[in-house]
């Protein structure tokens, strides 16, 4: 099985015993979803401070190759949810975190 990582990060898959199964380096191509933000107001958070509030909408996916035999694509959760009918597109699932809460790997794949 060919695995193409369309994220900017190396993805590490971790076995139940904590050992590394494999590392999948970035392919150099990024799959992205177009995002548009619209300002919908402000929110007062105290001491005279107001923060802008926006609503995002998402559009076309770029950087996603056509399906290919024996190939799966690793993408962000946002990209995966934008193409729920693609059976070759996966995000990481069951993430593993270090003592500081940083994601260091995943135990499996997630489908949208």
PDB file of N, CA and C in Angstrom:
ATOM      1  N   UNK A   1       0.853  -1.183   0.000  1.00  0.00           N
ATOM      2  CA  UNK A   1       0.000   0.000   0.000  1.00  0.00           C
ATOM      3  C   UNK A   1       0.891   1.235   0.000  1.00  0.00           C
ATOM      4  N   UNK A   2       0.611   2.159  -0.884  1.00  0.00           N
ATOM      5  CA  UNK A   2       1.326   3.418  -0.968  1.00  0.00           C
ATOM      6  C   UNK A   2       0.591   4.439  -0.102  1.00  0.00           C
ATOM      7  N   UNK A   3       1.324   5.111   0.787  1.00  0.00           N
ATOM      8  CA  UNK A   3       0.734   6.126   1.658  1.00  0.00           C
ATOM      9  C   UNK A   3       1.349   7.464   1.290  1.00  0.00           C
ATOM     10  N   UNK A   4       0.492   8.423   0.903  1.00  0.00           N
ATOM     11  CA  UNK A   4       0.961   9.761   0.554  1.00  0.00           C
ATOM     12  C   UNK A   4       0.499  10.729   1.635  1.00  0.00           C
ATOM     13  N   UNK A   5       1.453  11.365   2.284  1.00  0.00           N
ATOM     14  CA  UNK A   5       1.174  12.310   3.351  1.00  0.00           C
ATOM     15  C   UNK A   5       1.057  13.708   2.749  1.00  0.00           C
ATOM     16  N   UNK A   6      -0.151  14.245   2.732  1.00  0.00           N
ATOM     17  CA  UNK A   6      -0.418  15.561   2.159  1.00  0.00           C
ATOM     18  C   UNK A   6      -0.529  16.635   3.233  1.00  0.00           C
ATOM     19  N   UNK A   7       0.163  16.422   4.366  1.00  0.00           N
ATOM     20  CA  UNK A   7       0.255  17.413   5.437  1.00  0.00           C
ATOM     21  C   UNK A   7       1.704  17.899   5.496  1.00  0.00           C
ATOM     22  N   UNK A   8       1.962  18.976   6.231  1.00  0.00           N
ATOM     23  CA  UNK A   8       3.343  19.453   6.332  1.00  0.00           C
ATOM     24  C   UNK A   8       4.168  18.760   7.413  1.00  0.00           C
ATOM     25  N   UNK A   9       3.596  17.761   8.088  1.00  0.00           N
ATOM     26  CA  UNK A   9       4.252  17.125   9.230  1.00  0.00           C
ATOM     27  C   UNK A   9       4.511  15.640   8.971  1.00  0.00           C
ATOM     28  N   UNK A  10       5.615  15.128   9.503  1.00  0.00           N
ATOM     29  CA  UNK A  10       5.812  13.685   9.513  1.00  0.00           C
ATOM     30  C   UNK A  10       4.750  13.081  10.414  1.00  0.00           C
ATOM     31  N   UNK A  11       4.129  12.012   9.963  1.00  0.00           N
ATOM     32  CA  UNK A  11       3.100  11.341  10.758  1.00  0.00           C
ATOM     33  C   UNK A  11       3.680  10.030  11.271  1.00  0.00           C
ATOM     34  N   UNK A  12       3.634   9.862  12.585  1.00  0.00           N
ATOM     35  CA  UNK A  12       4.148   8.671  13.247  1.00  0.00           C
ATOM     36  C   UNK A  12       2.983   7.817  13.701  1.00  0.00           C
ATOM     37  N   UNK A  13       2.994   6.550  13.300  1.00  0.00           N
ATOM     38  CA  UNK A  13       1.979   5.612  13.770  1.00  0.00           C
ATOM     39  C   UNK A  13       2.585   4.772  14.876  1.00  0.00           C
ATOM     40  N   UNK A  14       1.819   4.620  15.960  1.00  0.00           N
ATOM     41  CA  UNK A  14       2.298   3.997  17.179  1.00  0.00           C
ATOM     42  C   UNK A  14       1.464   2.766  17.500  1.00  0.00           C
ATOM     43  N   UNK A  15       2.152   1.683  17.842  1.00  0.00           N
ATOM     44  CA  UNK A  15       1.510   0.418  18.206  1.00  0.00           C
ATOM     45  C   UNK A  15       0.927   0.521  19.618  1.00  0.00           C
ATOM     46  N   UNK A  16       0.015  -0.392  19.964  1.00  0.00           N
ATOM     47  CA  UNK A  16      -0.561  -0.380  21.313  1.00  0.00           C
ATOM     48  C   UNK A  16       0.485  -0.453  22.427  1.00  0.00           C
ATOM     49  N   UNK A  17       1.631  -1.077  22.157  1.00  0.00           N
ATOM     50  CA  UNK A  17       2.674  -1.171  23.191  1.00  0.00           C
ATOM     51  C   UNK A  17       3.555   0.073  23.271  1.00  0.00           C
ATOM     52  N   UNK A  18       3.255   1.099  22.429  1.00  0.00           N
ATOM     53  CA  UNK A  18       3.994   2.348  22.467  1.00  0.00           C
ATOM     54  C   UNK A  18       5.160   2.443  21.500  1.00  0.00           C
ATOM     55  N   UNK A  19       5.446   1.357  20.802  1.00  0.00           N
ATOM     56  CA  UNK A  19       6.546   1.401  19.843  1.00  0.00           C
ATOM     57  C   UNK A  19       6.081   2.028  18.529  1.00  0.00           C
ATOM     58  N   UNK A  20       7.028   2.578  17.812  1.00  0.00           N
ATOM     59  CA  UNK A  20       6.724   3.195  16.523  1.00  0.00           C
ATOM     60  C   UNK A  20       6.558   2.121  15.466  1.00  0.00           C
ATOM     61  N   UNK A  21       5.445   2.161  14.754  1.00  0.00           N
ATOM     62  CA  UNK A  21       5.191   1.239  13.650  1.00  0.00           C
ATOM     63  C   UNK A  21       5.889   1.753  12.395  1.00  0.00           C
ATOM     64  N   UNK A  22       5.621   3.045  12.085  1.00  0.00           N
ATOM     65  CA  UNK A  22       6.229   3.656  10.903  1.00  0.00           C
ATOM     66  C   UNK A  22       6.098   5.163  10.990  1.00  0.00           C
ATOM     67  N   UNK A  23       6.971   5.851  10.272  1.00  0.00           N
ATOM     68  CA  UNK A  23       6.896   7.299  10.092  1.00  0.00           C
ATOM     69  C   UNK A  23       6.616   7.565   8.624  1.00  0.00           C
ATOM     70  N   UNK A  24       5.666   8.449   8.362  1.00  0.00           N
ATOM     71  CA  UNK A  24       5.330   8.799   6.985  1.00  0.00           C
ATOM     72  C   UNK A  24       5.690  10.268   6.781  1.00  0.00           C
ATOM     73  N   UNK A  25       6.738  10.502   5.998  1.00  0.00           N
ATOM     74  CA  UNK A  25       7.218  11.862   5.759  1.00  0.00           C
ATOM     75  C   UNK A  25       6.242  12.623   4.865  1.00  0.00           C
ATOM     76  N   UNK A  26       6.239  13.946   4.980  1.00  0.00           N
ATOM     77  CA  UNK A  26       5.408  14.751   4.078  1.00  0.00           C
ATOM     78  C   UNK A  26       5.831  14.532   2.629  1.00  0.00           C
ATOM     79  N   UNK A  27       4.869  14.544   1.739  1.00  0.00           N
ATOM     80  CA  UNK A  27       5.155  14.321   0.321  1.00  0.00           C
ATOM     81  C   UNK A  27       5.680  15.568  -0.370  1.00  0.00           C
ATOM     82  N   UNK A  28       5.476  16.717   0.246  1.00  0.00           N
ATOM     83  CA  UNK A  28       5.838  17.976  -0.394  1.00  0.00           C
ATOM     84  C   UNK A  28       4.646  18.663  -1.027  1.00  0.00           C
ATOM     85  N   UNK A  29       3.545  17.942  -1.170  1.00  0.00           N
ATOM     86  CA  UNK A  29       2.290  18.505  -1.669  1.00  0.00           C
ATOM     87  C   UNK A  29       1.351  18.655  -0.483  1.00  0.00           C
ATOM     88  N   UNK A  30       0.690  19.791  -0.387  1.00  0.00           N
ATOM     89  CA  UNK A  30      -0.256  20.025   0.705  1.00  0.00           C
ATOM     90  C   UNK A  30      -1.679  20.042   0.175  1.00  0.00           C
ATOM     91  N   UNK A  31      -2.549  19.284   0.820  1.00  0.00           N
ATOM     92  CA  UNK A  31      -3.983  19.352   0.525  1.00  0.00           C
ATOM     93  C   UNK A  31      -4.581  20.389   1.468  1.00  0.00           C
ATOM     94  N   UNK A  32      -5.312  21.318   0.907  1.00  0.00           N
ATOM     95  CA  UNK A  32      -5.903  22.410   1.683  1.00  0.00           C
ATOM     96  C   UNK A  32      -7.349  22.628   1.278  1.00  0.00           C
ATOM     97  N   UNK A  33      -8.094  23.266   2.191  1.00  0.00           N
ATOM     98  CA  UNK A  33      -9.470  23.662   1.923  1.00  0.00           C
ATOM     99  C   UNK A  33      -9.515  25.187   1.937  1.00  0.00           C
ATOM    100  N   UNK A  34     -10.115  25.774   0.900  1.00  0.00           N
ATOM    101  CA  UNK A  34     -10.267  27.229   0.852  1.00  0.00           C
ATOM    102  C   UNK A  34     -11.160  27.673   2.006  1.00  0.00           C
ATOM    103  N   UNK A  35     -10.787  28.776   2.649  1.00  0.00           N
ATOM    104  CA  UNK A  35     -11.538  29.284   3.789  1.00  0.00           C
ATOM    105  C   UNK A  35     -11.854  30.757   3.570  1.00  0.00           C
ATOM    106  N   UNK A  36     -13.093  31.122   3.874  1.00  0.00           N
ATOM    107  CA  UNK A  36     -13.525  32.509   3.825  1.00  0.00           C
ATOM    108  C   UNK A  36     -14.061  32.867   5.201  1.00  0.00           C
ATOM    109  N   UNK A  37     -13.626  34.027   5.718  1.00  0.00           N
ATOM    110  CA  UNK A  37     -14.100  34.488   7.019  1.00  0.00           C
ATOM    111  C   UNK A  37     -14.983  35.715   6.831  1.00  0.00           C
ATOM    112  N   UNK A  38     -16.068  35.754   7.589  1.00  0.00           N
ATOM    113  CA  UNK A  38     -16.940  36.931   7.598  1.00  0.00           C
ATOM    114  C   UNK A  38     -17.077  37.405   9.034  1.00  0.00           C
ATOM    115  N   UNK A  39     -16.866  38.683   9.251  1.00  0.00           N
ATOM    116  CA  UNK A  39     -17.013  39.248  10.587  1.00  0.00           C
ATOM    117  C   UNK A  39     -18.492  39.253  10.959  1.00  0.00           C
ATOM    118  N   UNK A  40     -18.808  38.693  12.132  1.00  0.00           N
ATOM    119  CA  UNK A  40     -20.205  38.648  12.584  1.00  0.00           C
ATOM    120  C   UNK A  40     -20.424  39.439  13.867  1.00  0.00           C
ATOM    121  N   UNK A  41     -19.403  40.160  14.316  1.00  0.00           N
ATOM    122  CA  UNK A  41     -19.559  40.985  15.508  1.00  0.00           C
ATOM    123  C   UNK A  41     -18.324  41.015  16.367  1.00  0.00           C
ATOM    124  N   UNK A  42     -18.535  41.382  17.629  1.00  0.00           N
ATOM    125  CA  UNK A  42     -17.455  41.414  18.611  1.00  0.00           C
ATOM    126  C   UNK A  42     -17.940  40.766  19.898  1.00  0.00           C
ATOM    127  N   UNK A  43     -16.979  40.362  20.702  1.00  0.00           N
ATOM    128  CA  UNK A  43     -17.304  39.765  22.004  1.00  0.00           C
ATOM    129  C   UNK A  43     -16.503  40.486  23.079  1.00  0.00           C
ATOM    130  N   UNK A  44     -17.208  41.019  24.064  1.00  0.00           N
ATOM    131  CA  UNK A  44     -16.560  41.674  25.200  1.00  0.00           C
ATOM    132  C   UNK A  44     -16.001  40.594  26.119  1.00  0.00           C
ATOM    133  N   UNK A  45     -14.721  40.711  26.462  1.00  0.00           N
ATOM    134  CA  UNK A  45     -14.111  39.699  27.345  1.00  0.00           C
ATOM    135  C   UNK A  45     -13.657  40.300  28.672  1.00  0.00           C
ATOM    136  N   UNK A  46     -14.018  41.558  28.916  1.00  0.00           N
ATOM    137  CA  UNK A  46     -13.692  42.205  30.184  1.00  0.00           C
ATOM    138  C   UNK A  46     -12.668  43.315  30.020  1.00  0.00           C
ATOM    139  N   UNK A  47     -12.627  44.211  31.022  1.00  0.00           N
ATOM    140  CA  UNK A  47     -11.659  45.313  31.073  1.00  0.00           C
ATOM    141  C   UNK A  47     -11.666  46.164  29.797  1.00  0.00           C
ATOM    142  N   UNK A  48     -12.846  46.336  29.193  1.00  0.00           N
ATOM    143  CA  UNK A  48     -12.953  47.157  27.995  1.00  0.00           C
ATOM    144  C   UNK A  48     -12.363  46.520  26.750  1.00  0.00           C
ATOM    145  N   UNK A  49     -12.097  45.227  26.801  1.00  0.00           N
ATOM    146  CA  UNK A  49     -11.493  44.531  25.660  1.00  0.00           C
ATOM    147  C   UNK A  49     -12.585  43.826  24.867  1.00  0.00           C
ATOM    148  N   UNK A  50     -12.575  44.064  23.576  1.00  0.00           N
ATOM    149  CA  UNK A  50     -13.500  43.417  22.646  1.00  0.00           C
ATOM    150  C   UNK A  50     -12.684  42.676  21.596  1.00  0.00           C
ATOM    151  N   UNK A  51     -13.068  41.463  21.317  1.00  0.00           N
ATOM    152  CA  UNK A  51     -12.403  40.680  20.276  1.00  0.00           C
ATOM    153  C   UNK A  51     -13.357  40.484  19.109  1.00  0.00           C
ATOM    154  N   UNK A  52     -12.822  40.527  17.887  1.00  0.00           N
ATOM    155  CA  UNK A  52     -13.693  40.280  16.737  1.00  0.00           C
ATOM    156  C   UNK A  52     -14.141  38.821  16.706  1.00  0.00           C
ATOM    157  N   UNK A  53     -15.349  38.620  16.232  1.00  0.00           N
ATOM    158  CA  UNK A  53     -15.898  37.272  16.055  1.00  0.00           C
ATOM    159  C   UNK A  53     -16.173  37.090  14.571  1.00  0.00           C
ATOM    160  N   UNK A  54     -15.671  35.994  14.020  1.00  0.00           N
ATOM    161  CA  UNK A  54     -15.917  35.723  12.601  1.00  0.00           C
ATOM    162  C   UNK A  54     -16.502  34.330  12.433  1.00  0.00           C
ATOM    163  N   UNK A  55     -17.154  34.145  11.318  1.00  0.00           N
ATOM    164  CA  UNK A  55     -17.703  32.840  10.958  1.00  0.00           C
ATOM    165  C   UNK A  55     -16.986  32.409   9.689  1.00  0.00           C
ATOM    166  N   UNK A  56     -16.491  31.187   9.692  1.00  0.00           N
ATOM    167  CA  UNK A  56     -15.767  30.666   8.537  1.00  0.00           C
ATOM    168  C   UNK A  56     -16.666  29.789   7.690  1.00  0.00           C
ATOM    169  N   UNK A  57     -16.440  29.869   6.406  1.00  0.00           N
ATOM    170  CA  UNK A  57     -17.067  28.914   5.493  1.00  0.00           C
ATOM    171  C   UNK A  57     -15.946  28.314   4.657  1.00  0.00           C
ATOM    172  N   UNK A  58     -16.148  27.087   4.239  1.00  0.00           N
ATOM    173  CA  UNK A  58     -15.094  26.347   3.564  1.00  0.00           C
ATOM    174  C   UNK A  58     -15.541  25.964   2.166  1.00  0.00           C
ATOM    175  N   UNK A  59     -14.590  25.980   1.258  1.00  0.00           N
ATOM    176  CA  UNK A  59     -14.908  25.742  -0.137  1.00  0.00           C
ATOM    177  C   UNK A  59     -14.122  24.597  -0.742  1.00  0.00           C
ATOM    178  N   UNK A  60     -13.508  24.886  -1.873  1.00  0.00           N
ATOM    179  CA  UNK A  60     -12.833  23.865  -2.671  1.00  0.00           C
ATOM    180  C   UNK A  60     -11.568  23.336  -1.998  1.00  0.00           C
ATOM    181  N   UNK A  61     -11.293  22.074  -2.258  1.00  0.00           N
ATOM    182  CA  UNK A  61     -10.062  21.425  -1.800  1.00  0.00           C
ATOM    183  C   UNK A  61      -9.040  21.527  -2.923  1.00  0.00           C
ATOM    184  N   UNK A  62      -7.810  21.886  -2.572  1.00  0.00           N
ATOM    185  CA  UNK A  62      -6.720  21.909  -3.535  1.00  0.00           C
ATOM    186  C   UNK A  62      -5.623  20.962  -3.073  1.00  0.00           C
ATOM    187  N   UNK A  63      -4.823  20.487  -4.021  1.00  0.00           N
ATOM    188  CA  UNK A  63      -3.686  19.642  -3.689  1.00  0.00           C
ATOM    189  C   UNK A  63      -4.027  18.183  -3.452  1.00  0.00           C
ATOM    190  N   UNK A  64      -5.250  17.780  -3.746  1.00  0.00           N
ATOM    191  CA  UNK A  64      -5.670  16.404  -3.524  1.00  0.00           C
ATOM    192  C   UNK A  64      -5.636  15.653  -4.853  1.00  0.00           C
ATOM    193  N   UNK A  65      -4.729  14.686  -4.991  1.00  0.00           N
ATOM    194  CA  UNK A  65      -4.647  13.958  -6.259  1.00  0.00           C
ATOM    195  C   UNK A  65      -5.862  13.061  -6.482  1.00  0.00           C
ATOM    196  N   UNK A  66      -6.048  12.670  -7.719  1.00  0.00           N
ATOM    197  CA  UNK A  66      -7.105  11.720  -8.046  1.00  0.00           C
ATOM    198  C   UNK A  66      -6.807  10.378  -7.384  1.00  0.00           C
ATOM    199  N   UNK A  67      -7.836   9.575  -7.122  1.00  0.00           N
ATOM    200  CA  UNK A  67      -7.605   8.245  -6.548  1.00  0.00           C
ATOM    201  C   UNK A  67      -6.675   7.419  -7.441  1.00  0.00           C
ATOM    202  N   UNK A  68      -5.857   6.610  -6.788  1.00  0.00           N
ATOM    203  CA  UNK A  68      -4.936   5.715  -7.499  1.00  0.00           C
ATOM    204  C   UNK A  68      -4.990   4.352  -6.832  1.00  0.00           C
ATOM    205  N   UNK A  69      -4.793   3.292  -7.579  1.00  0.00           N
ATOM    206  CA  UNK A  69      -4.829   1.943  -7.000  1.00  0.00           C
ATOM    207  C   UNK A  69      -3.809   1.779  -5.879  1.00  0.00           C
ATOM    208  N   UNK A  70      -4.216   1.075  -4.848  1.00  0.00           N
ATOM    209  CA  UNK A  70      -3.337   0.747  -3.718  1.00  0.00           C
ATOM    210  C   UNK A  70      -2.669   1.962  -3.095  1.00  0.00           C
ATOM    211  N   UNK A  71      -3.385   3.086  -3.054  1.00  0.00           N
ATOM    212  CA  UNK A  71      -2.834   4.324  -2.500  1.00  0.00           C
ATOM    213  C   UNK A  71      -3.847   4.952  -1.560  1.00  0.00           C
ATOM    214  N   UNK A  72      -3.360   5.336  -0.369  1.00  0.00           N
ATOM    215  CA  UNK A  72      -4.193   6.115   0.544  1.00  0.00           C
ATOM    216  C   UNK A  72      -3.526   7.467   0.758  1.00  0.00           C
ATOM    217  N   UNK A  73      -4.348   8.464   1.051  1.00  0.00           N
ATOM    218  CA  UNK A  73      -3.892   9.830   1.238  1.00  0.00           C
ATOM    219  C   UNK A  73      -4.132  10.247   2.681  1.00  0.00           C
ATOM    220  N   UNK A  74      -3.093  10.763   3.337  1.00  0.00           N
ATOM    221  CA  UNK A  74      -3.217  11.280   4.696  1.00  0.00           C
ATOM    222  C   UNK A  74      -3.360  12.787   4.608  1.00  0.00           C
ATOM    223  N   UNK A  75      -4.422  13.315   5.214  1.00  0.00           N
ATOM    224  CA  UNK A  75      -4.736  14.743   5.136  1.00  0.00           C
ATOM    225  C   UNK A  75      -5.170  15.252   6.502  1.00  0.00           C
ATOM    226  N   UNK A  76      -5.351  16.558   6.609  1.00  0.00           N
ATOM    227  CA  UNK A  76      -5.890  17.140   7.840  1.00  0.00           C
ATOM    228  C   UNK A  76      -7.351  16.730   8.010  1.00  0.00           C
ATOM    229  N   UNK A  77      -7.852  16.874   9.224  1.00  0.00           N
ATOM    230  CA  UNK A  77      -9.255  16.554   9.493  1.00  0.00           C
ATOM    231  C   UNK A  77     -10.178  17.440   8.671  1.00  0.00           C
ATOM    232  N   UNK A  78      -9.806  18.699   8.485  1.00  0.00           N
ATOM    233  CA  UNK A  78     -10.629  19.618   7.712  1.00  0.00           C
ATOM    234  C   UNK A  78     -10.749  19.170   6.260  1.00  0.00           C
ATOM    235  N   UNK A  79      -9.638  18.743   5.673  1.00  0.00           N
ATOM    236  CA  UNK A  79      -9.673  18.253   4.292  1.00  0.00           C
ATOM    237  C   UNK A  79     -10.495  16.968   4.222  1.00  0.00           C
ATOM    238  N   UNK A  80     -10.270  16.053   5.134  1.00  0.00           N
ATOM    239  CA  UNK A  80     -10.993  14.772   5.110  1.00  0.00           C
ATOM    240  C   UNK A  80     -12.502  14.987   5.194  1.00  0.00           C
ATOM    241  N   UNK A  81     -12.937  15.901   6.035  1.00  0.00           N
ATOM    242  CA  UNK A  81     -14.381  16.130   6.172  1.00  0.00           C
ATOM    243  C   UNK A  81     -14.956  16.856   4.956  1.00  0.00           C
ATOM    244  N   UNK A  82     -14.100  17.509   4.177  1.00  0.00           N
ATOM    245  CA  UNK A  82     -14.572  18.194   2.968  1.00  0.00           C
ATOM    246  C   UNK A  82     -14.794  17.237   1.807  1.00  0.00           C
ATOM    247  N   UNK A  83     -14.245  16.013   1.902  1.00  0.00           N
ATOM    248  CA  UNK A  83     -14.389  15.030   0.811  1.00  0.00           C
ATOM    249  C   UNK A  83     -14.840  13.681   1.386  1.00  0.00           C
ATOM    250  N   UNK A  84     -16.019  13.644   2.042  1.00  0.00           N
ATOM    251  CA  UNK A  84     -16.444  12.427   2.742  1.00  0.00           C
ATOM    252  C   UNK A  84     -16.697  11.222   1.839  1.00  0.00           C
ATOM    253  N   UNK A  85     -16.854  11.439   0.553  1.00  0.00           N
ATOM    254  CA  UNK A  85     -17.118  10.309  -0.351  1.00  0.00           C
ATOM    255  C   UNK A  85     -15.833   9.647  -0.853  1.00  0.00           C
ATOM    256  N   UNK A  86     -14.687  10.235  -0.558  1.00  0.00           N
ATOM    257  CA  UNK A  86     -13.415   9.663  -1.014  1.00  0.00           C
ATOM    258  C   UNK A  86     -12.987   8.563  -0.046  1.00  0.00           C
ATOM    259  N   UNK A  87     -12.989   7.325  -0.509  1.00  0.00           N
ATOM    260  CA  UNK A  87     -12.620   6.192   0.347  1.00  0.00           C
ATOM    261  C   UNK A  87     -11.110   6.026   0.486  1.00  0.00           C
ATOM    262  N   UNK A  88     -10.331   6.838  -0.223  1.00  0.00           N
ATOM    263  CA  UNK A  88      -8.871   6.760  -0.148  1.00  0.00           C
ATOM    264  C   UNK A  88      -8.273   7.867   0.710  1.00  0.00           C
ATOM    265  N   UNK A  89      -9.115   8.706   1.311  1.00  0.00           N
ATOM    266  CA  UNK A  89      -8.644   9.856   2.086  1.00  0.00           C
ATOM    267  C   UNK A  89      -8.866   9.592   3.571  1.00  0.00           C
ATOM    268  N   UNK A  90      -7.784   9.762   4.348  1.00  0.00           N
ATOM    269  CA  UNK A  90      -7.833   9.496   5.787  1.00  0.00           C
ATOM    270  C   UNK A  90      -7.143  10.614   6.563  1.00  0.00           C
ATOM    271  N   UNK A  91      -7.564  10.776   7.809  1.00  0.00           N
ATOM    272  CA  UNK A  91      -6.878  11.623   8.779  1.00  0.00           C
ATOM    273  C   UNK A  91      -6.345  10.706   9.870  1.00  0.00           C
ATOM    274  N   UNK A  92      -5.485  11.221  10.733  1.00  0.00           N
ATOM    275  CA  UNK A  92      -5.017  10.390  11.846  1.00  0.00           C
ATOM    276  C   UNK A  92      -6.133  10.274  12.875  1.00  0.00           C
ATOM    277  N   UNK A  93      -6.089   9.203  13.641  1.00  0.00           N
ATOM    278  CA  UNK A  93      -7.097   8.977  14.681  1.00  0.00           C
ATOM    279  C   UNK A  93      -6.418   8.373  15.897  1.00  0.00           C
ATOM    280  N   UNK A  94      -7.025   8.572  17.039  1.00  0.00           N
ATOM    281  CA  UNK A  94      -6.525   8.055  18.312  1.00  0.00           C
ATOM    282  C   UNK A  94      -5.101   8.557  18.545  1.00  0.00           C
ATOM    283  N   UNK A  95      -4.977   9.889  18.626  1.00  0.00           N
ATOM    284  CA  UNK A  95      -3.666  10.504  18.772  1.00  0.00           C
ATOM    285  C   UNK A  95      -3.025  10.183  20.113  1.00  0.00           C
ATOM    286  N   UNK A  96      -1.694  10.190  20.104  1.00  0.00           N
ATOM    287  CA  UNK A  96      -0.876   9.938  21.293  1.00  0.00           C
ATOM    288  C   UNK A  96      -0.174  11.242  21.633  1.00  0.00           C
ATOM    289  N   UNK A  97      -0.216  11.631  22.897  1.00  0.00           N
ATOM    290  CA  UNK A  97       0.398  12.889  23.335  1.00  0.00           C
ATOM    291  C   UNK A  97       1.529  12.624  24.323  1.00  0.00           C
ATOM    292  N   UNK A  98       2.508  13.540  24.327  1.00  0.00           N
ATOM    293  CA  UNK A  98       3.589  13.438  25.308  1.00  0.00           C
ATOM    294  C   UNK A  98       3.138  14.061  26.621  1.00  0.00           C
ATOM    295  N   UNK A  99       4.037  14.125  27.599  1.00  0.00           N
ATOM    296  CA  UNK A  99       3.702  14.638  28.927  1.00  0.00           C
ATOM    297  C   UNK A  99       3.275  16.103  28.893  1.00  0.00           C
ATOM    298  N   UNK A 100       3.694  16.844  27.869  1.00  0.00           N
ATOM    299  CA  UNK A 100       3.325  18.253  27.741  1.00  0.00           C
ATOM    300  C   UNK A 100       2.072  18.464  26.903  1.00  0.00           C
ATOM    301  N   UNK A 101       1.435  17.369  26.472  1.00  0.00           N
ATOM    302  CA  UNK A 101       0.199  17.466  25.712  1.00  0.00           C
ATOM    303  C   UNK A 101       0.382  17.609  24.212  1.00  0.00           C
ATOM    304  N   UNK A 102       1.612  17.568  23.725  1.00  0.00           N
ATOM    305  CA  UNK A 102       1.862  17.680  22.286  1.00  0.00           C
ATOM    306  C   UNK A 102       1.608  16.323  21.614  1.00  0.00           C
ATOM    307  N   UNK A 103       0.986  16.377  20.443  1.00  0.00           N
ATOM    308  CA  UNK A 103       0.748  15.146  19.699  1.00  0.00           C
ATOM    309  C   UNK A 103       2.069  14.626  19.155  1.00  0.00           C
ATOM    310  N   UNK A 104       2.351  13.360  19.438  1.00  0.00           N
ATOM    311  CA  UNK A 104       3.600  12.747  18.968  1.00  0.00           C
ATOM    312  C   UNK A 104       3.334  11.594  18.000  1.00  0.00           C
ATOM    313  N   UNK A 105       2.085  11.229  17.843  1.00  0.00           N
ATOM    314  CA  UNK A 105       1.765  10.147  16.917  1.00  0.00           C
ATOM    315  C   UNK A 105       0.290   9.793  16.979  1.00  0.00           C
ATOM    316  N   UNK A 106      -0.045   8.740  16.266  1.00  0.00           N
ATOM    317  CA  UNK A 106      -1.427   8.275  16.221  1.00  0.00           C
ATOM    318  C   UNK A 106      -1.431   6.755  16.184  1.00  0.00           C
ATOM    319  N   UNK A 107      -2.514   6.183  16.686  1.00  0.00           N
ATOM    320  CA  UNK A 107      -2.640   4.725  16.701  1.00  0.00           C
ATOM    321  C   UNK A 107      -3.392   4.193  15.491  1.00  0.00           C
ATOM    322  N   UNK A 108      -4.018   5.091  14.714  1.00  0.00           N
ATOM    323  CA  UNK A 108      -4.785   4.592  13.588  1.00  0.00           C
ATOM    324  C   UNK A 108      -5.206   5.692  12.633  1.00  0.00           C
ATOM    325  N   UNK A 109      -6.075   5.304  11.729  1.00  0.00           N
ATOM    326  CA  UNK A 109      -6.594   6.195  10.698  1.00  0.00           C
ATOM    327  C   UNK A 109      -8.060   6.515  10.976  1.00  0.00           C
ATOM    328  N   UNK A 110      -8.480   7.692  10.573  1.00  0.00           N
ATOM    329  CA  UNK A 110      -9.869   8.086  10.694  1.00  0.00           C
ATOM    330  C   UNK A 110     -10.447   8.414   9.327  1.00  0.00           C
ATOM    331  N   UNK A 111     -11.684   8.062   9.113  1.00  0.00           N
ATOM    332  CA  UNK A 111     -12.383   8.399   7.874  1.00  0.00           C
ATOM    333  C   UNK A 111     -13.459   9.422   8.203  1.00  0.00           C
ATOM    334  N   UNK A 112     -13.754  10.271   7.238  1.00  0.00           N
ATOM    335  CA  UNK A 112     -14.783  11.306   7.462  1.00  0.00           C
ATOM    336  C   UNK A 112     -16.159  10.718   7.302  1.00  0.00           C
TER     337      UNK A 112
END
